[in-house]
N, C-alpha and C. Protein backbone atom coordinates (compact mmCIF):
# COMPACT_ATOMS: atom_id res chain seq x y z
N MET A 1 0.73 7.24 37.97
CA MET A 1 1.57 7.46 36.77
C MET A 1 0.58 7.98 35.67
N GLU A 2 1.19 9.15 34.99
CA GLU A 2 0.36 9.70 34.06
C GLU A 2 0.17 8.88 32.79
N LYS A 3 -0.94 9.17 32.18
CA LYS A 3 -1.18 8.19 31.03
C LYS A 3 -0.55 8.94 29.79
N ALA A 4 0.13 8.14 28.98
CA ALA A 4 0.83 8.73 27.57
C ALA A 4 -0.18 8.74 26.60
N PHE A 5 -1.21 7.86 26.42
CA PHE A 5 -2.33 7.97 25.58
C PHE A 5 -3.59 7.48 26.39
N ARG A 6 -4.74 7.68 25.84
CA ARG A 6 -5.80 7.09 26.56
C ARG A 6 -5.71 5.67 26.85
N GLY A 7 -5.86 5.44 28.01
CA GLY A 7 -5.46 3.95 28.50
C GLY A 7 -4.36 3.41 28.42
N LEU A 8 -3.27 4.18 28.01
CA LEU A 8 -1.94 3.37 27.98
C LEU A 8 -0.84 4.16 28.80
N ASP A 9 -0.19 3.44 29.69
CA ASP A 9 0.93 4.09 30.47
C ASP A 9 2.06 4.30 29.70
N ALA A 10 2.85 5.20 29.84
CA ALA A 10 4.13 5.45 29.13
C ALA A 10 5.04 4.23 29.49
N ALA A 11 5.15 3.65 30.63
CA ALA A 11 5.80 2.63 31.11
C ALA A 11 5.40 1.17 30.25
N THR A 12 4.05 1.17 30.04
CA THR A 12 3.47 -0.02 29.22
C THR A 12 4.22 0.07 27.70
N LEU A 13 4.09 1.30 27.33
CA LEU A 13 4.71 1.37 25.91
C LEU A 13 6.14 1.19 25.86
N VAL A 14 7.08 1.60 26.88
CA VAL A 14 8.29 1.30 26.93
C VAL A 14 8.71 -0.11 27.07
N THR A 15 7.82 -0.64 27.81
CA THR A 15 7.95 -2.16 28.07
C THR A 15 7.78 -3.01 26.71
N ILE A 16 6.84 -2.62 26.09
CA ILE A 16 6.54 -3.22 24.65
C ILE A 16 7.70 -3.11 23.75
N PHE A 17 8.17 -1.66 23.68
CA PHE A 17 9.09 -1.39 22.96
C PHE A 17 10.42 -2.29 23.19
N LEU A 18 10.90 -2.19 24.48
CA LEU A 18 12.21 -2.92 24.82
C LEU A 18 12.08 -4.56 24.67
N SER A 19 10.82 -5.06 25.04
CA SER A 19 10.63 -6.48 24.67
C SER A 19 10.71 -6.82 23.22
N THR A 20 10.09 -5.93 22.48
CA THR A 20 10.29 -6.39 21.05
C THR A 20 11.57 -6.19 20.44
N ASN A 21 12.29 -5.08 21.05
CA ASN A 21 13.66 -4.84 20.61
C ASN A 21 14.65 -5.98 20.94
N VAL A 22 14.40 -6.63 22.18
CA VAL A 22 15.17 -7.61 22.74
C VAL A 22 14.98 -8.84 21.74
N MET A 23 13.76 -9.26 21.48
CA MET A 23 13.40 -10.30 20.49
C MET A 23 13.93 -10.19 19.13
N PHE A 24 13.97 -9.01 18.56
CA PHE A 24 14.35 -8.89 17.28
C PHE A 24 15.82 -8.71 17.12
N CYS A 25 16.87 -8.45 18.47
CA CYS A 25 18.05 -8.53 18.51
C CYS A 25 18.57 -9.90 18.31
N PHE A 26 17.76 -10.98 18.64
CA PHE A 26 18.12 -12.37 18.33
C PHE A 26 17.74 -12.70 16.74
N VAL A 27 16.90 -12.21 16.51
CA VAL A 27 16.38 -12.55 15.15
C VAL A 27 17.39 -11.83 13.93
N GLU A 28 17.81 -10.67 14.21
CA GLU A 28 18.51 -9.73 13.32
C GLU A 28 19.59 -10.43 12.67
N PRO A 29 20.65 -11.19 13.48
CA PRO A 29 21.66 -11.70 12.77
C PRO A 29 21.34 -12.87 11.66
N TYR A 30 20.35 -13.44 12.03
CA TYR A 30 19.74 -14.67 11.06
C TYR A 30 19.24 -14.14 9.70
N LEU A 31 18.58 -12.91 10.08
CA LEU A 31 18.16 -12.27 8.80
C LEU A 31 19.11 -11.62 7.91
N ILE A 32 20.18 -11.37 8.53
CA ILE A 32 21.39 -10.60 7.80
C ILE A 32 22.07 -11.94 6.98
N VAL A 33 22.18 -12.93 7.58
CA VAL A 33 22.69 -14.02 6.86
C VAL A 33 21.97 -14.65 5.60
N ARG A 34 20.56 -14.72 6.02
CA ARG A 34 19.57 -15.15 4.85
C ARG A 34 19.23 -14.14 3.94
N ARG A 35 19.21 -13.04 4.17
CA ARG A 35 18.68 -11.82 3.20
C ARG A 35 19.93 -10.71 2.68
N GLY A 36 20.89 -10.68 3.50
CA GLY A 36 21.92 -9.77 3.22
C GLY A 36 21.64 -8.65 4.01
N LEU A 37 22.83 -7.78 4.34
CA LEU A 37 22.97 -6.71 4.97
C LEU A 37 22.13 -5.38 4.45
N ARG A 38 22.23 -5.30 3.23
CA ARG A 38 21.48 -4.20 2.72
C ARG A 38 19.94 -4.45 2.58
N ARG A 39 19.58 -5.52 2.18
CA ARG A 39 18.08 -5.63 2.36
C ARG A 39 17.50 -5.69 3.78
N VAL A 40 18.26 -6.20 4.61
CA VAL A 40 17.64 -6.17 6.15
C VAL A 40 17.63 -4.57 6.63
N VAL A 41 18.67 -3.77 6.28
CA VAL A 41 18.62 -2.38 6.63
C VAL A 41 17.59 -1.60 6.02
N VAL A 42 17.27 -2.02 4.88
CA VAL A 42 16.22 -1.30 3.90
C VAL A 42 14.89 -1.57 4.42
N ASP A 43 14.77 -3.13 4.86
CA ASP A 43 13.41 -3.45 5.54
C ASP A 43 13.29 -2.72 6.90
N GLY A 44 14.40 -2.67 7.66
CA GLY A 44 14.28 -2.03 8.88
C GLY A 44 13.87 -0.53 8.73
N CYS A 45 14.31 0.09 7.79
CA CYS A 45 14.05 1.58 7.62
C CYS A 45 12.38 1.69 7.22
N TRP A 46 11.92 0.69 6.48
CA TRP A 46 10.37 0.63 6.24
C TRP A 46 9.62 0.37 7.43
N LEU A 47 10.22 -0.54 8.51
CA LEU A 47 9.44 -0.81 9.47
C LEU A 47 9.41 0.19 10.56
N MET A 48 10.54 0.96 10.59
CA MET A 48 10.63 2.16 11.33
C MET A 48 9.78 3.20 10.90
N PHE A 49 9.56 3.48 9.52
CA PHE A 49 8.77 4.30 8.95
C PHE A 49 7.31 4.02 9.35
N ALA A 50 6.85 2.74 9.06
CA ALA A 50 5.64 2.35 9.23
C ALA A 50 5.01 2.58 10.82
N GLY A 51 6.03 2.21 11.61
CA GLY A 51 5.79 2.35 13.06
C GLY A 51 5.67 3.70 13.51
N CYS A 52 6.62 4.58 12.97
CA CYS A 52 6.55 6.05 13.31
C CYS A 52 5.05 6.62 12.82
N LEU A 53 4.76 6.33 11.58
CA LEU A 53 3.62 6.61 11.07
C LEU A 53 2.33 6.27 11.93
N LEU A 54 2.43 5.01 12.45
CA LEU A 54 1.25 4.51 13.17
C LEU A 54 1.38 5.27 14.53
N ARG A 55 2.37 5.53 15.11
CA ARG A 55 2.48 6.10 16.40
C ARG A 55 1.98 7.48 16.42
N SER A 56 2.57 8.22 15.28
CA SER A 56 2.34 9.77 15.25
C SER A 56 1.20 10.27 14.44
N GLY A 57 0.70 9.47 13.43
CA GLY A 57 -0.22 9.79 12.46
C GLY A 57 0.32 10.79 11.70
N LEU A 58 -0.56 11.33 10.54
CA LEU A 58 -0.08 12.24 9.55
C LEU A 58 -0.09 13.71 10.04
N PRO A 59 0.58 14.57 9.56
CA PRO A 59 0.24 16.06 9.82
C PRO A 59 -1.07 16.48 9.85
N GLY A 60 -1.48 17.02 11.07
CA GLY A 60 -2.93 17.48 11.23
C GLY A 60 -3.89 16.36 11.60
N HIS A 61 -3.51 15.09 11.51
CA HIS A 61 -4.20 13.85 11.72
C HIS A 61 -3.59 13.01 12.84
N PRO A 62 -3.38 13.35 14.05
CA PRO A 62 -2.59 12.64 15.16
C PRO A 62 -3.39 11.32 15.14
N MET A 63 -2.56 10.17 15.67
CA MET A 63 -3.09 8.89 15.93
C MET A 63 -3.82 8.92 17.23
N THR A 64 -5.09 8.40 17.22
CA THR A 64 -5.74 8.29 18.49
C THR A 64 -6.10 7.06 18.81
N SER A 65 -5.83 6.03 18.02
CA SER A 65 -6.29 4.53 18.13
C SER A 65 -5.14 3.93 19.06
N GLN A 66 -5.73 3.38 20.21
CA GLN A 66 -4.99 2.58 21.20
C GLN A 66 -4.01 1.54 20.46
N THR A 67 -4.72 0.72 19.63
CA THR A 67 -4.26 -0.35 18.97
C THR A 67 -3.21 0.21 17.92
N GLY A 68 -3.35 1.33 17.23
CA GLY A 68 -2.44 1.88 16.23
C GLY A 68 -1.20 2.24 17.04
N ILE A 69 -1.44 2.80 18.25
CA ILE A 69 -0.05 3.17 19.00
C ILE A 69 0.62 2.09 19.37
N VAL A 70 0.02 0.85 19.79
CA VAL A 70 0.59 -0.30 20.19
C VAL A 70 1.36 -0.97 19.16
N VAL A 71 0.64 -1.11 17.99
CA VAL A 71 1.29 -1.77 16.71
C VAL A 71 2.44 -0.95 16.23
N GLY A 72 2.34 0.45 16.39
CA GLY A 72 3.48 1.26 15.98
C GLY A 72 4.67 1.19 16.77
N THR A 73 4.33 0.95 18.13
CA THR A 73 5.51 0.68 19.01
C THR A 73 6.17 -0.44 18.77
N ILE A 74 5.39 -1.56 18.41
CA ILE A 74 5.91 -2.86 18.12
C ILE A 74 6.88 -2.77 16.91
N LEU A 75 6.44 -2.23 15.89
CA LEU A 75 7.10 -1.95 14.67
C LEU A 75 8.36 -1.15 14.83
N VAL A 76 8.35 -0.22 15.68
CA VAL A 76 9.58 0.61 15.97
C VAL A 76 10.58 -0.07 16.80
N GLY A 77 9.89 -0.89 17.84
CA GLY A 77 10.93 -2.01 18.59
C GLY A 77 11.55 -2.97 17.68
N ALA A 78 10.74 -3.43 16.73
CA ALA A 78 11.26 -4.36 15.78
C ALA A 78 12.37 -3.93 14.90
N ALA A 79 12.09 -2.74 14.49
CA ALA A 79 13.33 -2.02 13.57
C ALA A 79 14.43 -1.59 14.29
N GLN A 80 14.53 -1.21 15.60
CA GLN A 80 15.57 -0.71 16.32
C GLN A 80 16.84 -1.45 16.07
N PRO A 81 16.78 -3.04 16.39
CA PRO A 81 17.92 -3.58 16.22
C PRO A 81 18.69 -3.57 14.76
N PHE A 82 17.96 -3.25 13.69
CA PHE A 82 18.50 -3.22 12.43
C PHE A 82 19.46 -2.00 12.43
N PHE A 83 19.46 -1.09 13.16
CA PHE A 83 20.28 0.05 13.18
C PHE A 83 21.18 0.03 14.47
N GLN A 84 20.76 -0.68 15.46
CA GLN A 84 21.58 -0.78 16.63
C GLN A 84 22.81 -1.93 16.53
N CYS A 85 22.34 -3.00 15.94
CA CYS A 85 23.43 -4.03 15.84
C CYS A 85 24.20 -4.06 14.64
N THR A 86 23.70 -3.50 13.47
CA THR A 86 24.64 -3.59 12.30
C THR A 86 25.84 -2.75 12.22
N PRO A 87 25.87 -1.74 12.82
CA PRO A 87 27.37 -0.99 12.56
C PRO A 87 28.52 -2.08 12.98
N ALA A 88 28.42 -2.70 14.06
CA ALA A 88 29.52 -3.72 14.46
C ALA A 88 29.69 -4.60 13.32
N LEU A 89 28.61 -5.25 12.84
CA LEU A 89 28.70 -6.36 11.63
C LEU A 89 29.37 -5.56 10.31
N LEU A 90 29.03 -4.35 10.28
CA LEU A 90 29.39 -3.75 9.07
C LEU A 90 30.96 -3.29 9.21
N ALA A 91 31.53 -2.97 10.55
CA ALA A 91 32.64 -2.73 10.66
C ALA A 91 33.69 -3.97 10.61
N ALA A 92 33.08 -5.00 11.07
CA ALA A 92 33.68 -6.41 11.07
C ALA A 92 33.85 -6.92 9.63
N ALA A 93 33.07 -6.45 8.71
CA ALA A 93 33.14 -6.76 7.16
C ALA A 93 34.10 -5.89 6.46
N TRP A 94 34.12 -4.57 6.87
CA TRP A 94 34.86 -3.52 5.93
C TRP A 94 36.06 -3.32 6.55
N PHE A 95 36.46 -3.40 7.82
CA PHE A 95 37.69 -3.11 8.47
C PHE A 95 38.37 -4.16 9.21
N GLY A 96 39.83 -4.22 9.24
CA GLY A 96 40.60 -5.21 9.61
C GLY A 96 40.34 -5.07 11.41
N PRO A 97 41.10 -6.19 11.95
CA PRO A 97 40.93 -6.32 13.30
C PRO A 97 41.42 -5.14 14.19
N ASN A 98 42.50 -4.61 13.83
CA ASN A 98 43.05 -3.45 14.35
C ASN A 98 42.31 -2.14 14.07
N GLU A 99 41.60 -2.08 13.08
CA GLU A 99 40.78 -0.76 12.67
C GLU A 99 39.49 -0.67 13.09
N ARG A 100 38.79 -1.75 13.71
CA ARG A 100 37.41 -1.82 14.12
C ARG A 100 37.07 -0.72 15.11
N VAL A 101 37.89 -0.62 16.24
CA VAL A 101 37.67 0.17 17.43
C VAL A 101 37.60 1.64 16.95
N LEU A 102 38.45 2.09 16.06
CA LEU A 102 38.58 3.44 15.47
C LEU A 102 37.44 3.62 14.65
N ALA A 103 36.92 2.56 13.74
CA ALA A 103 35.63 2.75 12.87
C ALA A 103 34.42 2.88 13.50
N THR A 104 34.30 2.32 14.78
CA THR A 104 32.95 2.43 15.50
C THR A 104 32.82 3.45 16.56
N THR A 105 34.05 4.07 16.76
CA THR A 105 33.94 5.06 17.87
C THR A 105 33.78 6.62 17.40
């Protein structure tokens, strides 16, 4: 298998991302109840930003650290549920039972 980065297989990075994503899918509803929807989504944006920055580096200064790439992948995986799971919660809060399907499609 081709290496995605020095010493890291693409499959390893995908496994790290998906494992983190699944774990945070269980944490995300609890955080919304404790901290509120807006705060959780804003925090998710910051996690995504930090993870993307670690994975990609700055323009002209690509990330070459294996640890930085793995930590960035973990942060992006942790941020994903905040965008993946919240639309259904938002639709449940804003729309009636007969309107939810239309709102989320």
